Amino acid sequence: MDVLVVDDSAAIRKILKRVLQQTEIPLGQVYEAGDGVEALAGLKLQQVHLILSDINMPNMDGLQFLSELKTNQEWKKIPVIMVTTEGSQAKVLEAVGLGAAGYIRKPFTADQIKEKLAGIVW
């Protein structure tokens, strides 16, 4: 399973990659993007089966990215988990309304990631 991790923090991307490797998910490539613009460009180059995306990012935030993703026939079925520090329930509900498969609040544990992905990828 190829995964795209979208977050403006290189440290968070690295942590998410490490946490994904600790789960029992059969991982393929883990791609990275620093914002929604970079993520959309990356999706044109490689196919992924799961996206983990932050909400608050420069250039194109996670909600804008999710909205763009869900309007594309080729990408709209890719499950997206929002990983966020966003305290606002309204933003989280907006993400779910736009088609997010779920969300995880930062800081997170490997078990939380594994639990959230269990219902989506198995």
PDB file of N, CA and C in Angstrom:
ATOM      1  N   MET A   1       0.844  -1.178   0.000  1.00  0.00           N
ATOM      2  CA  MET A   1       0.000   0.000   0.000  1.00  0.00           C
ATOM      3  C   MET A   1       0.889   1.241   0.000  1.00  0.00           C
ATOM      4  N   ASP A   2       0.739   2.062  -1.036  1.00  0.00           N
ATOM      5  CA  ASP A   2       1.490   3.312  -1.112  1.00  0.00           C
ATOM      6  C   ASP A   2       0.710   4.421  -0.411  1.00  0.00           C
ATOM      7  N   VAL A   3       1.423   5.251   0.335  1.00  0.00           N
ATOM      8  CA  VAL A   3       0.805   6.285   1.172  1.00  0.00           C
ATOM      9  C   VAL A   3       1.425   7.639   0.860  1.00  0.00           C
ATOM     10  N   LEU A   4       0.602   8.684   0.904  1.00  0.00           N
ATOM     11  CA  LEU A   4       1.066  10.061   0.763  1.00  0.00           C
ATOM     12  C   LEU A   4       0.839  10.769   2.095  1.00  0.00           C
ATOM     13  N   VAL A   5       1.910  11.342   2.646  1.00  0.00           N
ATOM     14  CA  VAL A   5       1.832  12.099   3.897  1.00  0.00           C
ATOM     15  C   VAL A   5       1.995  13.575   3.536  1.00  0.00           C
ATOM     16  N   VAL A   6       0.972  14.380   3.879  1.00  0.00           N
ATOM     17  CA  VAL A   6       0.962  15.805   3.527  1.00  0.00           C
ATOM     18  C   VAL A   6       0.967  16.632   4.813  1.00  0.00           C
ATOM     19  N   ASP A   7       2.065  17.337   5.043  1.00  0.00           N
ATOM     20  CA  ASP A   7       2.184  18.180   6.240  1.00  0.00           C
ATOM     21  C   ASP A   7       3.296  19.184   5.993  1.00  0.00           C
ATOM     22  N   ASP A   8       3.115  20.420   6.430  1.00  0.00           N
ATOM     23  CA  ASP A   8       4.147  21.438   6.214  1.00  0.00           C
ATOM     24  C   ASP A   8       5.335  21.260   7.151  1.00  0.00           C
ATOM     25  N   SER A   9       5.221  20.383   8.128  1.00  0.00           N
ATOM     26  CA  SER A   9       6.330  20.113   9.046  1.00  0.00           C
ATOM     27  C   SER A   9       7.061  18.838   8.618  1.00  0.00           C
ATOM     28  N   ALA A  10       8.336  18.993   8.244  1.00  0.00           N
ATOM     29  CA  ALA A  10       9.146  17.832   7.861  1.00  0.00           C
ATOM     30  C   ALA A  10       9.261  16.855   9.034  1.00  0.00           C
ATOM     31  N   ALA A  11       9.309  17.374  10.256  1.00  0.00           N
ATOM     32  CA  ALA A  11       9.412  16.517  11.442  1.00  0.00           C
ATOM     33  C   ALA A  11       8.168  15.640  11.598  1.00  0.00           C
ATOM     34  N   ILE A  12       7.004  16.224  11.410  1.00  0.00           N
ATOM     35  CA  ILE A  12       5.754  15.455  11.515  1.00  0.00           C
ATOM     36  C   ILE A  12       5.683  14.405  10.405  1.00  0.00           C
ATOM     37  N   ARG A  13       6.105  14.769   9.192  1.00  0.00           N
ATOM     38  CA  ARG A  13       6.112  13.791   8.093  1.00  0.00           C
ATOM     39  C   ARG A  13       7.009  12.602   8.451  1.00  0.00           C
ATOM     40  N   LYS A  14       8.160  12.893   9.023  1.00  0.00           N
ATOM     41  CA  LYS A  14       9.102  11.840   9.401  1.00  0.00           C
ATOM     42  C   LYS A  14       8.496  10.948  10.492  1.00  0.00           C
ATOM     43  N   ILE A  15       7.861  11.562  11.486  1.00  0.00           N
ATOM     44  CA  ILE A  15       7.225  10.806  12.568  1.00  0.00           C
ATOM     45  C   ILE A  15       6.109   9.917  12.007  1.00  0.00           C
ATOM     46  N   LEU A  16       5.289  10.473  11.119  1.00  0.00           N
ATOM     47  CA  LEU A  16       4.196   9.689  10.537  1.00  0.00           C
ATOM     48  C   LEU A  16       4.726   8.502   9.735  1.00  0.00           C
ATOM     49  N   LYS A  17       5.800   8.726   8.992  1.00  0.00           N
ATOM     50  CA  LYS A  17       6.397   7.622   8.234  1.00  0.00           C
ATOM     51  C   LYS A  17       6.858   6.517   9.187  1.00  0.00           C
ATOM     52  N   ARG A  18       7.508   6.904  10.277  1.00  0.00           N
ATOM     53  CA  ARG A  18       7.993   5.922  11.246  1.00  0.00           C
ATOM     54  C   ARG A  18       6.820   5.183  11.900  1.00  0.00           C
ATOM     55  N   VAL A  19       5.764   5.916  12.253  1.00  0.00           N
ATOM     56  CA  VAL A  19       4.594   5.299  12.867  1.00  0.00           C
ATOM     57  C   VAL A  19       3.925   4.324  11.888  1.00  0.00           C
ATOM     58  N   LEU A  20       3.828   4.698  10.628  1.00  0.00           N
ATOM     59  CA  LEU A  20       3.242   3.807   9.622  1.00  0.00           C
ATOM     60  C   LEU A  20       4.035   2.503   9.522  1.00  0.00           C
ATOM     61  N   GLN A  21       5.337   2.604   9.626  1.00  0.00           N
ATOM     62  CA  GLN A  21       6.187   1.413   9.559  1.00  0.00           C
ATOM     63  C   GLN A  21       5.996   0.518  10.779  1.00  0.00           C
ATOM     64  N   GLN A  22       5.529   1.082  11.884  1.00  0.00           N
ATOM     65  CA  GLN A  22       5.298   0.311  13.106  1.00  0.00           C
ATOM     66  C   GLN A  22       3.942  -0.401  13.096  1.00  0.00           C
ATOM     67  N   THR A  23       3.068  -0.019  12.173  1.00  0.00           N
ATOM     68  CA  THR A  23       1.772  -0.686  12.080  1.00  0.00           C
ATOM     69  C   THR A  23       1.950  -1.979  11.296  1.00  0.00           C
ATOM     70  N   GLU A  24       0.909  -2.776  11.249  1.00  0.00           N
ATOM     71  CA  GLU A  24       0.972  -4.041  10.516  1.00  0.00           C
ATOM     72  C   GLU A  24       0.505  -3.881   9.073  1.00  0.00           C
ATOM     73  N   ILE A  25       0.347  -2.658   8.639  1.00  0.00           N
ATOM     74  CA  ILE A  25      -0.100  -2.405   7.271  1.00  0.00           C
ATOM     75  C   ILE A  25       1.029  -2.767   6.311  1.00  0.00           C
ATOM     76  N   PRO A  26       0.722  -3.536   5.257  1.00  0.00           N
ATOM     77  CA  PRO A  26       1.754  -3.853   4.269  1.00  0.00           C
ATOM     78  C   PRO A  26       2.081  -2.603   3.441  1.00  0.00           C
ATOM     79  N   LEU A  27       3.121  -1.890   3.864  1.00  0.00           N
ATOM     80  CA  LEU A  27       3.468  -0.615   3.241  1.00  0.00           C
ATOM     81  C   LEU A  27       4.314  -0.791   1.994  1.00  0.00           C
ATOM     82  N   GLY A  28       4.021   0.046   1.007  1.00  0.00           N
ATOM     83  CA  GLY A  28       4.873   0.167  -0.169  1.00  0.00           C
ATOM     84  C   GLY A  28       5.678   1.438   0.009  1.00  0.00           C
ATOM     85  N   GLN A  29       5.558   2.341  -0.944  1.00  0.00           N
ATOM     86  CA  GLN A  29       6.235   3.630  -0.870  1.00  0.00           C
ATOM     87  C   GLN A  29       5.454   4.588   0.025  1.00  0.00           C
ATOM     88  N   VAL A  30       6.188   5.427   0.758  1.00  0.00           N
ATOM     89  CA  VAL A  30       5.559   6.512   1.518  1.00  0.00           C
ATOM     90  C   VAL A  30       6.095   7.807   0.915  1.00  0.00           C
ATOM     91  N   TYR A  31       5.201   8.537   0.241  1.00  0.00           N
ATOM     92  CA  TYR A  31       5.560   9.793  -0.405  1.00  0.00           C
ATOM     93  C   TYR A  31       5.254  10.940   0.548  1.00  0.00           C
ATOM     94  N   GLU A  32       5.916  12.073   0.331  1.00  0.00           N
ATOM     95  CA  GLU A  32       5.717  13.240   1.184  1.00  0.00           C
ATOM     96  C   GLU A  32       5.393  14.469   0.352  1.00  0.00           C
ATOM     97  N   ALA A  33       4.616  15.373   0.949  1.00  0.00           N
ATOM     98  CA  ALA A  33       4.332  16.673   0.349  1.00  0.00           C
ATOM     99  C   ALA A  33       4.217  17.690   1.471  1.00  0.00           C
ATOM    100  N   GLY A  34       4.669  18.923   1.217  1.00  0.00           N
ATOM    101  CA  GLY A  34       4.664  19.965   2.227  1.00  0.00           C
ATOM    102  C   GLY A  34       3.391  20.787   2.293  1.00  0.00           C
ATOM    103  N   ASP A  35       2.517  20.645   1.293  1.00  0.00           N
ATOM    104  CA  ASP A  35       1.236  21.345   1.282  1.00  0.00           C
ATOM    105  C   ASP A  35       0.341  20.715   0.218  1.00  0.00           C
ATOM    106  N   GLY A  36      -0.874  21.228   0.091  1.00  0.00           N
ATOM    107  CA  GLY A  36      -1.827  20.670  -0.857  1.00  0.00           C
ATOM    108  C   GLY A  36      -1.401  20.799  -2.308  1.00  0.00           C
ATOM    109  N   VAL A  37      -0.753  21.899  -2.652  1.00  0.00           N
ATOM    110  CA  VAL A  37      -0.290  22.107  -4.034  1.00  0.00           C
ATOM    111  C   VAL A  37       0.723  21.027  -4.407  1.00  0.00           C
ATOM    112  N   GLU A  38       1.680  20.817  -3.522  1.00  0.00           N
ATOM    113  CA  GLU A  38       2.713  19.799  -3.740  1.00  0.00           C
ATOM    114  C   GLU A  38       2.083  18.401  -3.797  1.00  0.00           C
ATOM    115  N   ALA A  39       1.090  18.164  -2.962  1.00  0.00           N
ATOM    116  CA  ALA A  39       0.420  16.859  -2.923  1.00  0.00           C
ATOM    117  C   ALA A  39      -0.309  16.578  -4.233  1.00  0.00           C
ATOM    118  N   LEU A  40      -1.028  17.562  -4.757  1.00  0.00           N
ATOM    119  CA  LEU A  40      -1.745  17.378  -6.030  1.00  0.00           C
ATOM    120  C   LEU A  40      -0.765  17.108  -7.165  1.00  0.00           C
ATOM    121  N   ALA A  41       0.363  17.827  -7.163  1.00  0.00           N
ATOM    122  CA  ALA A  41       1.389  17.605  -8.188  1.00  0.00           C
ATOM    123  C   ALA A  41       1.944  16.187  -8.069  1.00  0.00           C
ATOM    124  N   GLY A  42       2.159  15.725  -6.846  1.00  0.00           N
ATOM    125  CA  GLY A  42       2.685  14.382  -6.621  1.00  0.00           C
ATOM    126  C   GLY A  42       1.722  13.292  -7.061  1.00  0.00           C
ATOM    127  N   LEU A  43       0.427  13.544  -6.869  1.00  0.00           N
ATOM    128  CA  LEU A  43      -0.572  12.547  -7.261  1.00  0.00           C
ATOM    129  C   LEU A  43      -0.628  12.358  -8.775  1.00  0.00           C
ATOM    130  N   LYS A  44      -0.190  13.355  -9.511  1.00  0.00           N
ATOM    131  CA  LYS A  44      -0.139  13.228 -10.976  1.00  0.00           C
ATOM    132  C   LYS A  44       1.000  12.304 -11.402  1.00  0.00           C
ATOM    133  N   LEU A  45       1.976  12.121 -10.521  1.00  0.00           N
ATOM    134  CA  LEU A  45       3.155  11.311 -10.838  1.00  0.00           C
ATOM    135  C   LEU A  45       3.084   9.887 -10.294  1.00  0.00           C
ATOM    136  N   GLN A  46       2.383   9.691  -9.181  1.00  0.00           N
ATOM    137  CA  GLN A  46       2.292   8.349  -8.602  1.00  0.00           C
ATOM    138  C   GLN A  46       0.927   8.121  -7.978  1.00  0.00           C
ATOM    139  N   GLN A  47       0.508   6.881  -8.048  1.00  0.00           N
ATOM    140  CA  GLN A  47      -0.772   6.490  -7.481  1.00  0.00           C
ATOM    141  C   GLN A  47      -0.562   6.073  -6.027  1.00  0.00           C
ATOM    142  N   VAL A  48      -1.457   6.498  -5.150  1.00  0.00           N
ATOM    143  CA  VAL A  48      -1.378   6.090  -3.749  1.00  0.00           C
ATOM    144  C   VAL A  48      -2.711   5.481  -3.326  1.00  0.00           C
ATOM    145  N   HIS A  49      -2.680   4.762  -2.207  1.00  0.00           N
ATOM    146  CA  HIS A  49      -3.873   4.068  -1.720  1.00  0.00           C
ATOM    147  C   HIS A  49      -4.436   4.684  -0.444  1.00  0.00           C
ATOM    148  N   LEU A  50      -3.673   5.626   0.133  1.00  0.00           N
ATOM    149  CA  LEU A  50      -4.070   6.262   1.384  1.00  0.00           C
ATOM    150  C   LEU A  50      -3.347   7.591   1.502  1.00  0.00           C
ATOM    151  N   ILE A  51      -4.045   8.604   2.051  1.00  0.00           N
ATOM    152  CA  ILE A  51      -3.435   9.914   2.275  1.00  0.00           C
ATOM    153  C   ILE A  51      -3.651  10.310   3.731  1.00  0.00           C
ATOM    154  N   LEU A  52      -2.571  10.757   4.377  1.00  0.00           N
ATOM    155  CA  LEU A  52      -2.642  11.358   5.710  1.00  0.00           C
ATOM    156  C   LEU A  52      -2.303  12.826   5.511  1.00  0.00           C
ATOM    157  N   SER A  53      -3.221  13.725   5.865  1.00  0.00           N
ATOM    158  CA  SER A  53      -3.003  15.145   5.592  1.00  0.00           C
ATOM    159  C   SER A  53      -3.296  16.026   6.792  1.00  0.00           C
ATOM    160  N   ASP A  54      -2.426  17.006   6.983  1.00  0.00           N
ATOM    161  CA  ASP A  54      -2.648  18.056   7.976  1.00  0.00           C
ATOM    162  C   ASP A  54      -3.771  18.965   7.460  1.00  0.00           C
ATOM    163  N   ILE A  55      -4.390  19.729   8.334  1.00  0.00           N
ATOM    164  CA  ILE A  55      -5.391  20.718   7.907  1.00  0.00           C
ATOM    165  C   ILE A  55      -4.723  22.067   7.697  1.00  0.00           C
ATOM    166  N   ASN A  56      -3.937  22.529   8.665  1.00  0.00           N
ATOM    167  CA  ASN A  56      -3.339  23.862   8.584  1.00  0.00           C
ATOM    168  C   ASN A  56      -1.978  23.821   7.895  1.00  0.00           C
ATOM    169  N   MET A  57      -1.945  24.313   6.642  1.00  0.00           N
ATOM    170  CA  MET A  57      -0.708  24.364   5.857  1.00  0.00           C
ATOM    171  C   MET A  57      -0.735  25.624   5.000  1.00  0.00           C
ATOM    172  N   PRO A  58       0.437  26.114   4.598  1.00  0.00           N
ATOM    173  CA  PRO A  58       0.486  27.278   3.698  1.00  0.00           C
ATOM    174  C   PRO A  58       0.117  26.863   2.266  1.00  0.00           C
ATOM    175  N   ASN A  59      -0.049  27.844   1.401  1.00  0.00           N
ATOM    176  CA  ASN A  59      -0.335  27.670  -0.030  1.00  0.00           C
ATOM    177  C   ASN A  59      -1.695  27.040  -0.301  1.00  0.00           C
ATOM    178  N   MET A  60      -1.895  25.804   0.100  1.00  0.00           N
ATOM    179  CA  MET A  60      -3.198  25.147  -0.007  1.00  0.00           C
ATOM    180  C   MET A  60      -3.360  24.282   1.233  1.00  0.00           C
ATOM    181  N   ASP A  61      -4.341  24.633   2.080  1.00  0.00           N
ATOM    182  CA  ASP A  61      -4.508  23.875   3.316  1.00  0.00           C
ATOM    183  C   ASP A  61      -5.168  22.517   3.057  1.00  0.00           C
ATOM    184  N   GLY A  62      -5.280  21.732   4.101  1.00  0.00           N
ATOM    185  CA  GLY A  62      -5.816  20.388   3.973  1.00  0.00           C
ATOM    186  C   GLY A  62      -7.255  20.335   3.507  1.00  0.00           C
ATOM    187  N   LEU A  63      -8.062  21.312   3.900  1.00  0.00           N
ATOM    188  CA  LEU A  63      -9.459  21.333   3.464  1.00  0.00           C
ATOM    189  C   LEU A  63      -9.566  21.647   1.973  1.00  0.00           C
ATOM    190  N   GLN A  64      -8.768  22.601   1.502  1.00  0.00           N
ATOM    191  CA  GLN A  64      -8.756  22.916   0.073  1.00  0.00           C
ATOM    192  C   GLN A  64      -8.241  21.714  -0.721  1.00  0.00           C
ATOM    193  N   PHE A  65      -7.186  21.079  -0.214  1.00  0.00           N
ATOM    194  CA  PHE A  65      -6.623  19.900  -0.865  1.00  0.00           C
ATOM    195  C   PHE A  65      -7.665  18.784  -0.949  1.00  0.00           C
ATOM    196  N   LEU A  66      -8.343  18.520   0.157  1.00  0.00           N
ATOM    197  CA  LEU A  66      -9.368  17.482   0.203  1.00  0.00           C
ATOM    198  C   LEU A  66     -10.488  17.778  -0.794  1.00  0.00           C
ATOM    199  N   SER A  67     -10.900  19.029  -0.850  1.00  0.00           N
ATOM    200  CA  SER A  67     -11.950  19.437  -1.778  1.00  0.00           C
ATOM    201  C   SER A  67     -11.526  19.194  -3.227  1.00  0.00           C
ATOM    202  N   GLU A  68     -10.300  19.579  -3.572  1.00  0.00           N
ATOM    203  CA  GLU A  68      -9.767  19.356  -4.931  1.00  0.00           C
ATOM    204  C   GLU A  68      -9.683  17.855  -5.232  1.00  0.00           C
ATOM    205  N   LEU A  69      -9.202  17.109  -4.276  1.00  0.00           N
ATOM    206  CA  LEU A  69      -9.023  15.670  -4.439  1.00  0.00           C
ATOM    207  C   LEU A  69     -10.353  14.983  -4.745  1.00  0.00           C
ATOM    208  N   LYS A  70     -11.378  15.339  -4.018  1.00  0.00           N
ATOM    209  CA  LYS A  70     -12.678  14.671  -4.139  1.00  0.00           C
ATOM    210  C   LYS A  70     -13.431  15.054  -5.412  1.00  0.00           C
ATOM    211  N   THR A  71     -12.985  16.102  -6.117  1.00  0.00           N
ATOM    212  CA  THR A  71     -13.628  16.455  -7.391  1.00  0.00           C
ATOM    213  C   THR A  71     -12.965  15.744  -8.570  1.00  0.00           C
ATOM    214  N   ASN A  72     -11.859  15.041  -8.320  1.00  0.00           N
ATOM    215  CA  ASN A  72     -11.132  14.343  -9.374  1.00  0.00           C
ATOM    216  C   ASN A  72     -11.573  12.877  -9.401  1.00  0.00           C
ATOM    217  N   GLN A  73     -12.089  12.426 -10.535  1.00  0.00           N
ATOM    218  CA  GLN A  73     -12.601  11.051 -10.654  1.00  0.00           C
ATOM    219  C   GLN A  73     -11.551   9.995 -10.306  1.00  0.00           C
ATOM    220  N   GLU A  74     -10.314  10.252 -10.681  1.00  0.00           N
ATOM    221  CA  GLU A  74      -9.235   9.287 -10.470  1.00  0.00           C
ATOM    222  C   GLU A  74      -8.831   9.178  -8.998  1.00  0.00           C
ATOM    223  N   TRP A  75      -8.975  10.262  -8.250  1.00  0.00           N
ATOM    224  CA  TRP A  75      -8.474  10.305  -6.877  1.00  0.00           C
ATOM    225  C   TRP A  75      -9.551  10.270  -5.810  1.00  0.00           C
ATOM    226  N   LYS A  76     -10.802  10.484  -6.166  1.00  0.00           N
ATOM    227  CA  LYS A  76     -11.825  10.714  -5.147  1.00  0.00           C
ATOM    228  C   LYS A  76     -12.090   9.529  -4.225  1.00  0.00           C
ATOM    229  N   LYS A  77     -11.714   8.323  -4.629  1.00  0.00           N
ATOM    230  CA  LYS A  77     -11.940   7.152  -3.777  1.00  0.00           C
ATOM    231  C   LYS A  77     -10.777   6.872  -2.816  1.00  0.00           C
ATOM    232  N   ILE A  78      -9.697   7.640  -2.916  1.00  0.00           N
ATOM    233  CA  ILE A  78      -8.563   7.442  -2.011  1.00  0.00           C
ATOM    234  C   ILE A  78      -8.977   7.893  -0.604  1.00  0.00           C
ATOM    235  N   PRO A  79      -8.876   7.015   0.391  1.00  0.00           N
ATOM    236  CA  PRO A  79      -9.223   7.444   1.752  1.00  0.00           C
ATOM    237  C   PRO A  79      -8.218   8.473   2.282  1.00  0.00           C
ATOM    238  N   VAL A  80      -8.760   9.496   2.923  1.00  0.00           N
ATOM    239  CA  VAL A  80      -7.938  10.567   3.484  1.00  0.00           C
ATOM    240  C   VAL A  80      -8.207  10.663   4.981  1.00  0.00           C
ATOM    241  N   ILE A  81      -7.130  10.574   5.762  1.00  0.00           N
ATOM    242  CA  ILE A  81      -7.214  10.773   7.208  1.00  0.00           C
ATOM    243  C   ILE A  81      -6.572  12.127   7.494  1.00  0.00           C
ATOM    244  N   MET A  82      -7.298  12.983   8.176  1.00  0.00           N
ATOM    245  CA  MET A  82      -6.764  14.285   8.560  1.00  0.00           C
ATOM    246  C   MET A  82      -6.020  14.122   9.890  1.00  0.00           C
ATOM    247  N   VAL A  83      -4.786  14.596   9.927  1.00  0.00           N
ATOM    248  CA  VAL A  83      -3.956  14.543  11.133  1.00  0.00           C
ATOM    249  C   VAL A  83      -3.701  15.991  11.521  1.00  0.00           C
ATOM    250  N   THR A  84      -4.249  16.429  12.651  1.00  0.00           N
ATOM    251  CA  THR A  84      -4.263  17.861  12.897  1.00  0.00           C
ATOM    252  C   THR A  84      -4.153  18.263  14.359  1.00  0.00           C
ATOM    253  N   THR A  85      -3.656  19.462  14.573  1.00  0.00           N
ATOM    254  CA  THR A  85      -3.671  20.075  15.901  1.00  0.00           C
ATOM    255  C   THR A  85      -4.928  20.926  16.039  1.00  0.00           C
ATOM    256  N   GLU A  86      -5.687  21.007  14.977  1.00  0.00           N
ATOM    257  CA  GLU A  86      -6.880  21.859  14.926  1.00  0.00           C
ATOM    258  C   GLU A  86      -7.806  21.545  16.091  1.00  0.00           C
ATOM    259  N   GLY A  87      -8.025  22.536  16.933  1.00  0.00           N
ATOM    260  CA  GLY A  87      -8.898  22.362  18.083  1.00  0.00           C
ATOM    261  C   GLY A  87     -10.355  22.593  17.731  1.00  0.00           C
ATOM    262  N   SER A  88     -10.595  23.258  16.627  1.00  0.00           N
ATOM    263  CA  SER A  88     -11.951  23.600  16.226  1.00  0.00           C
ATOM    264  C   SER A  88     -12.702  22.385  15.684  1.00  0.00           C
ATOM    265  N   GLN A  89     -13.761  22.026  16.362  1.00  0.00           N
ATOM    266  CA  GLN A  89     -14.593  20.906  15.906  1.00  0.00           C
ATOM    267  C   GLN A  89     -15.211  21.226  14.552  1.00  0.00           C
ATOM    268  N   ALA A  90     -15.466  22.507  14.279  1.00  0.00           N
ATOM    269  CA  ALA A  90     -16.066  22.907  12.997  1.00  0.00           C
ATOM    270  C   ALA A  90     -15.171  22.522  11.820  1.00  0.00           C
ATOM    271  N   LYS A  91     -13.859  22.740  11.963  1.00  0.00           N
ATOM    272  CA  LYS A  91     -12.918  22.388  10.888  1.00  0.00           C
ATOM    273  C   LYS A  91     -12.881  20.878  10.666  1.00  0.00           C
ATOM    274  N   VAL A  92     -12.884  20.136  11.752  1.00  0.00           N
ATOM    275  CA  VAL A  92     -12.858  18.679  11.654  1.00  0.00           C
ATOM    276  C   VAL A  92     -14.140  18.181  10.988  1.00  0.00           C
ATOM    277  N   LEU A  93     -15.277  18.733  11.385  1.00  0.00           N
ATOM    278  CA  LEU A  93     -16.549  18.354  10.779  1.00  0.00           C
ATOM    279  C   LEU A  93     -16.597  18.749   9.304  1.00  0.00           C
ATOM    280  N   GLU A  94     -16.000  19.882   8.970  1.00  0.00           N
ATOM    281  CA  GLU A  94     -15.931  20.303   7.572  1.00  0.00           C
ATOM    282  C   GLU A  94     -15.122  19.288   6.765  1.00  0.00           C
ATOM    283  N   ALA A  95     -14.012  18.828   7.326  1.00  0.00           N
ATOM    284  CA  ALA A  95     -13.175  17.831   6.646  1.00  0.00           C
ATOM    285  C   ALA A  95     -13.964  16.540   6.407  1.00  0.00           C
ATOM    286  N   VAL A  96     -14.689  16.089   7.415  1.00  0.00           N
ATOM    287  CA  VAL A  96     -15.496  14.875   7.267  1.00  0.00           C
ATOM    288  C   VAL A  96     -16.590  15.107   6.220  1.00  0.00           C
ATOM    289  N   GLY A  97     -17.186  16.292   6.232  1.00  0.00           N
ATOM    290  CA  GLY A  97     -18.207  16.641   5.251  1.00  0.00           C
ATOM    291  C   GLY A  97     -17.668  16.666   3.827  1.00  0.00           C
ATOM    292  N   LEU A  98     -16.390  17.013   3.696  1.00  0.00           N
ATOM    293  CA  LEU A  98     -15.756  17.046   2.370  1.00  0.00           C
ATOM    294  C   LEU A  98     -15.328  15.658   1.901  1.00  0.00           C
ATOM    295  N   GLY A  99     -15.425  14.685   2.784  1.00  0.00           N
ATOM    296  CA  GLY A  99     -15.102  13.325   2.377  1.00  0.00           C
ATOM    297  C   GLY A  99     -13.940  12.668   3.092  1.00  0.00           C
ATOM    298  N   ALA A 100     -13.410  13.297   4.133  1.00  0.00           N
ATOM    299  CA  ALA A 100     -12.328  12.665   4.901  1.00  0.00           C
ATOM    300  C   ALA A 100     -12.853  11.375   5.531  1.00  0.00           C
ATOM    301  N   ALA A 101     -12.015  10.354   5.530  1.00  0.00           N
ATOM    302  CA  ALA A 101     -12.400   9.064   6.104  1.00  0.00           C
ATOM    303  C   ALA A 101     -12.306   9.078   7.629  1.00  0.00           C
ATOM    304  N   GLY A 102     -11.664  10.117   8.179  1.00  0.00           N
ATOM    305  CA  GLY A 102     -11.519  10.238   9.614  1.00  0.00           C
ATOM    306  C   GLY A 102     -10.449  11.251   9.962  1.00  0.00           C
ATOM    307  N   TYR A 103     -10.162  11.375  11.241  1.00  0.00           N
ATOM    308  CA  TYR A 103      -9.134  12.326  11.669  1.00  0.00           C
ATOM    309  C   TYR A 103      -8.453  11.822  12.932  1.00  0.00           C
ATOM    310  N   ILE A 104      -7.232  12.301  13.111  1.00  0.00           N
ATOM    311  CA  ILE A 104      -6.427  11.994  14.289  1.00  0.00           C
ATOM    312  C   ILE A 104      -5.860  13.311  14.784  1.00  0.00           C
ATOM    313  N   ARG A 105      -5.973  13.534  16.082  1.00  0.00           N
ATOM    314  CA  ARG A 105      -5.428  14.772  16.652  1.00  0.00           C
ATOM    315  C   ARG A 105      -3.959  14.592  17.034  1.00  0.00           C
ATOM    316  N   LYS A 106      -3.149  15.623  16.756  1.00  0.00           N
ATOM    317  CA  LYS A 106      -1.761  15.649  17.222  1.00  0.00           C
ATOM    318  C   LYS A 106      -1.775  16.129  18.666  1.00  0.00           C
ATOM    319  N   PRO A 107      -0.911  15.652  19.511  1.00  0.00           N
ATOM    320  CA  PRO A 107       0.051  14.573  19.282  1.00  0.00           C
ATOM    321  C   PRO A 107      -0.668  13.232  19.257  1.00  0.00           C
ATOM    322  N   PHE A 108      -0.139  12.281  18.514  1.00  0.00           N
ATOM    323  CA  PHE A 108      -0.767  10.988  18.340  1.00  0.00           C
ATOM    324  C   PHE A 108       0.212   9.890  18.728  1.00  0.00           C
ATOM    325  N   THR A 109      -0.329   8.692  18.897  1.00  0.00           N
ATOM    326  CA  THR A 109       0.515   7.527  19.191  1.00  0.00           C
ATOM    327  C   THR A 109       0.423   6.565  18.012  1.00  0.00           C
ATOM    328  N   ALA A 110       1.352   5.635  17.951  1.00  0.00           N
ATOM    329  CA  ALA A 110       1.318   4.608  16.901  1.00  0.00           C
ATOM    330  C   ALA A 110       0.022   3.812  16.998  1.00  0.00           C
ATOM    331  N   ASP A 111      -0.422   3.538  18.217  1.00  0.00           N
ATOM    332  CA  ASP A 111      -1.662   2.774  18.396  1.00  0.00           C
ATOM    333  C   ASP A 111      -2.874   3.528  17.852  1.00  0.00           C
ATOM    334  N   GLN A 112      -2.907   4.852  18.044  1.00  0.00           N
ATOM    335  CA  GLN A 112      -4.026   5.636  17.517  1.00  0.00           C
ATOM    336  C   GLN A 112      -4.057   5.587  15.990  1.00  0.00           C
ATOM    337  N   ILE A 113      -2.892   5.688  15.372  1.00  0.00           N
ATOM    338  CA  ILE A 113      -2.810   5.622  13.913  1.00  0.00           C
ATOM    339  C   ILE A 113      -3.270   4.239  13.445  1.00  0.00           C
ATOM    340  N   LYS A 114      -2.752   3.222  14.080  1.00  0.00           N
ATOM    341  CA  LYS A 114      -3.095   1.841  13.710  1.00  0.00           C
ATOM    342  C   LYS A 114      -4.599   1.602  13.848  1.00  0.00           C
ATOM    343  N   GLU A 115      -5.159   2.062  14.958  1.00  0.00           N
ATOM    344  CA  GLU A 115      -6.592   1.882  15.208  1.00  0.00           C
ATOM    345  C   GLU A 115      -7.437   2.589  14.150  1.00  0.00           C
ATOM    346  N   LYS A 116      -7.047   3.825  13.798  1.00  0.00           N
ATOM    347  CA  LYS A 116      -7.807   4.588  12.807  1.00  0.00           C
ATOM    348  C   LYS A 116      -7.721   3.935  11.435  1.00  0.00           C
ATOM    349  N   LEU A 117      -6.536   3.429  11.094  1.00  0.00           N
ATOM    350  CA  LEU A 117      -6.362   2.826   9.781  1.00  0.00           C
ATOM    351  C   LEU A 117      -7.011   1.451   9.672  1.00  0.00           C
ATOM    352  N   ALA A 118      -7.169   0.772  10.801  1.00  0.00           N
ATOM    353  CA  ALA A 118      -7.733  -0.586  10.800  1.00  0.00           C
ATOM    354  C   ALA A 118      -9.101  -0.632  10.122  1.00  0.00           C
ATOM    355  N   GLY A 119      -9.932   0.338  10.392  1.00  0.00           N
ATOM    356  CA  GLY A 119     -11.262   0.361   9.805  1.00  0.00           C
ATOM    357  C   GLY A 119     -11.293   0.799   8.359  1.00  0.00           C
ATOM    358  N   ILE A 120     -10.180   1.302   7.867  1.00  0.00           N
ATOM    359  CA  ILE A 120     -10.144   1.847   6.514  1.00  0.00           C
ATOM    360  C   ILE A 120      -9.417   0.943   5.527  1.00  0.00           C
ATOM    361  N   VAL A 121      -8.295   0.358   5.958  1.00  0.00           N
ATOM    362  CA  VAL A 121      -7.471  -0.388   5.013  1.00  0.00           C
ATOM    363  C   VAL A 121      -7.578  -1.905   5.138  1.00  0.00           C
ATOM    364  N   TRP A 122      -8.242  -2.416   6.189  1.00  0.00           N
ATOM    365  CA  TRP A 122      -8.357  -3.876   6.304  1.00  0.00           C
ATOM    366  C   TRP A 122      -9.758  -4.325   6.047  1.00  0.00           C
TER     367      TRP A 122
END
